[in-house]
Amino acid sequence: VSELPARARLHHRVGAGEILVAEDLTAAPGPAGRAPAGSVVVGLAAPDGDGAEIGLAVRIVADGIVLAHDATIVDRIGTTVFVAVPARDGPAVAAAERTGTASMIFVPS
């Protein structure tokens, strides 16, 4: 990329010194701009501590049940962590967040 498009944002985590290519950028606004196709983004309360970083793989669970096996942190704003989950899992994850039962499990890489 030789010139940044208007309102460009990173689509995913990029390391310091890494060369940017068009696939690294998005012009879509908000956390959904960093989510892969076929996913939806749900805001969850940030866990205690400082481990919830953009790009990390997580699982979303509630009441001992895995609601989203394949989830990725795509943004963090204040005390909210935005997680991309497969579209089919979005409603269950959002409902669990609403009732306060949703939790993130960090997945080793």
Protein backbone atom coordinates (compact mmCIF):
# COMPACT_ATOMS: atom_id res chain seq x y z
CA VAL A 1 0.00 0.00 0.00
CA SER A 2 1.56 3.27 -1.05
CA GLU A 3 -1.30 5.52 0.05
CA LEU A 4 -3.96 5.02 2.72
CA PRO A 5 -7.58 5.24 1.58
CA ALA A 6 -9.89 7.67 3.38
CA ARG A 7 -11.13 6.31 6.74
CA ALA A 8 -8.82 3.29 6.48
CA ARG A 9 -8.49 1.05 9.54
CA LEU A 10 -6.56 -2.11 10.13
CA HIS A 11 -8.62 -5.23 9.41
CA HIS A 12 -6.51 -7.35 11.77
CA ARG A 13 -3.39 -7.20 13.94
CA VAL A 14 -0.25 -6.01 12.11
CA GLY A 15 3.22 -6.20 13.61
CA ALA A 16 5.59 -3.25 13.91
CA GLY A 17 7.60 -2.86 10.71
CA GLU A 18 5.31 -5.19 8.74
CA ILE A 19 4.55 -4.10 5.17
CA LEU A 20 0.89 -3.20 4.71
CA VAL A 21 -1.07 -4.70 1.81
CA ALA A 22 -4.64 -3.92 0.75
CA GLU A 23 -6.00 -6.99 2.60
CA ASP A 24 -4.73 -5.49 5.89
CA LEU A 25 -7.08 -2.50 5.60
CA THR A 26 -10.80 -1.85 5.72
CA ALA A 27 -12.92 1.27 5.37
CA ALA A 28 -15.90 -0.27 7.18
CA PRO A 29 -16.70 1.70 10.33
CA GLY A 30 -16.62 0.31 13.85
CA PRO A 31 -15.57 -3.07 15.18
CA ALA A 32 -17.35 -4.96 12.39
CA GLY A 33 -14.79 -3.56 9.96
CA ARG A 34 -12.21 -5.91 11.47
CA ALA A 35 -14.39 -9.00 11.38
CA PRO A 36 -14.06 -11.72 8.74
CA ALA A 37 -16.84 -12.41 6.25
CA GLY A 38 -19.55 -14.68 7.65
CA SER A 39 -19.14 -13.42 11.19
CA VAL A 40 -20.91 -10.95 13.44
CA VAL A 41 -19.42 -8.85 16.23
CA VAL A 42 -20.69 -8.93 19.81
CA GLY A 43 -19.54 -6.63 22.61
CA LEU A 44 -18.63 -8.37 25.87
CA ALA A 45 -17.56 -7.02 29.23
CA ALA A 46 -13.77 -6.97 29.35
CA PRO A 47 -12.27 -9.62 31.63
CA ASP A 48 -10.25 -8.55 34.65
CA GLY A 49 -6.57 -8.18 33.82
CA ASP A 50 -4.88 -7.08 30.65
CA GLY A 51 -4.92 -10.17 28.42
CA ALA A 52 -7.71 -9.33 25.97
CA GLU A 53 -5.74 -8.10 22.95
CA ILE A 54 -6.94 -7.59 19.40
CA GLY A 55 -6.31 -10.66 17.29
CA LEU A 56 -6.43 -13.22 20.10
CA ALA A 57 -8.45 -16.39 19.60
CA VAL A 58 -11.02 -17.03 22.32
CA ARG A 59 -14.04 -19.19 23.00
CA ILE A 60 -17.26 -17.79 24.41
CA VAL A 61 -18.97 -19.86 27.10
CA ALA A 62 -21.99 -19.51 29.37
CA ASP A 63 -23.24 -21.84 32.08
CA GLY A 64 -20.67 -24.49 31.13
CA ILE A 65 -21.67 -24.55 27.46
CA VAL A 66 -19.45 -23.38 24.59
CA LEU A 67 -21.50 -20.86 22.62
CA ALA A 68 -18.82 -19.88 20.10
CA HIS A 69 -15.89 -22.22 19.53
CA ASP A 70 -14.18 -19.97 16.95
CA ALA A 71 -14.09 -16.37 18.14
CA THR A 72 -11.52 -13.59 17.72
CA ILE A 73 -11.10 -10.31 19.58
CA VAL A 74 -11.42 -7.58 16.95
CA ASP A 75 -11.55 -4.40 19.04
CA ARG A 76 -11.47 -3.10 22.59
CA ILE A 77 -13.03 0.18 23.64
CA GLY A 78 -13.00 1.05 27.32
CA THR A 79 -14.44 -1.84 29.29
CA THR A 80 -15.93 -3.56 26.23
CA VAL A 81 -14.18 -6.22 24.18
CA PHE A 82 -15.64 -6.79 20.71
CA VAL A 83 -15.48 -10.38 19.54
CA ALA A 84 -16.16 -11.72 16.03
CA VAL A 85 -18.07 -14.99 16.14
CA PRO A 86 -19.61 -17.11 13.38
CA ALA A 87 -22.96 -15.57 12.39
CA ARG A 88 -24.84 -18.68 13.57
CA ASP A 89 -23.42 -18.19 17.12
CA GLY A 90 -24.06 -14.45 17.39
CA PRO A 91 -27.59 -14.55 18.85
CA ALA A 92 -26.64 -16.97 21.64
CA VAL A 93 -23.51 -14.98 22.52
CA ALA A 94 -25.45 -11.70 22.56
CA ALA A 95 -28.18 -13.22 24.75
CA ALA A 96 -25.60 -14.58 27.22
CA GLU A 97 -23.92 -11.17 27.40
CA ARG A 98 -27.26 -9.53 28.05
CA THR A 99 -27.92 -11.83 31.02
CA GLY A 100 -24.36 -11.47 32.32
CA THR A 101 -23.44 -15.14 31.88
CA ALA A 102 -21.03 -14.86 28.91
CA SER A 103 -17.33 -15.44 29.57
CA MET A 104 -14.24 -15.60 27.36
CA ILE A 105 -11.84 -18.52 27.48
CA PHE A 106 -8.42 -17.76 26.04
CA VAL A 107 -7.19 -20.36 23.53
CA PRO A 108 -3.46 -21.19 23.40
CA SER A 109 -1.90 -20.51 20.03
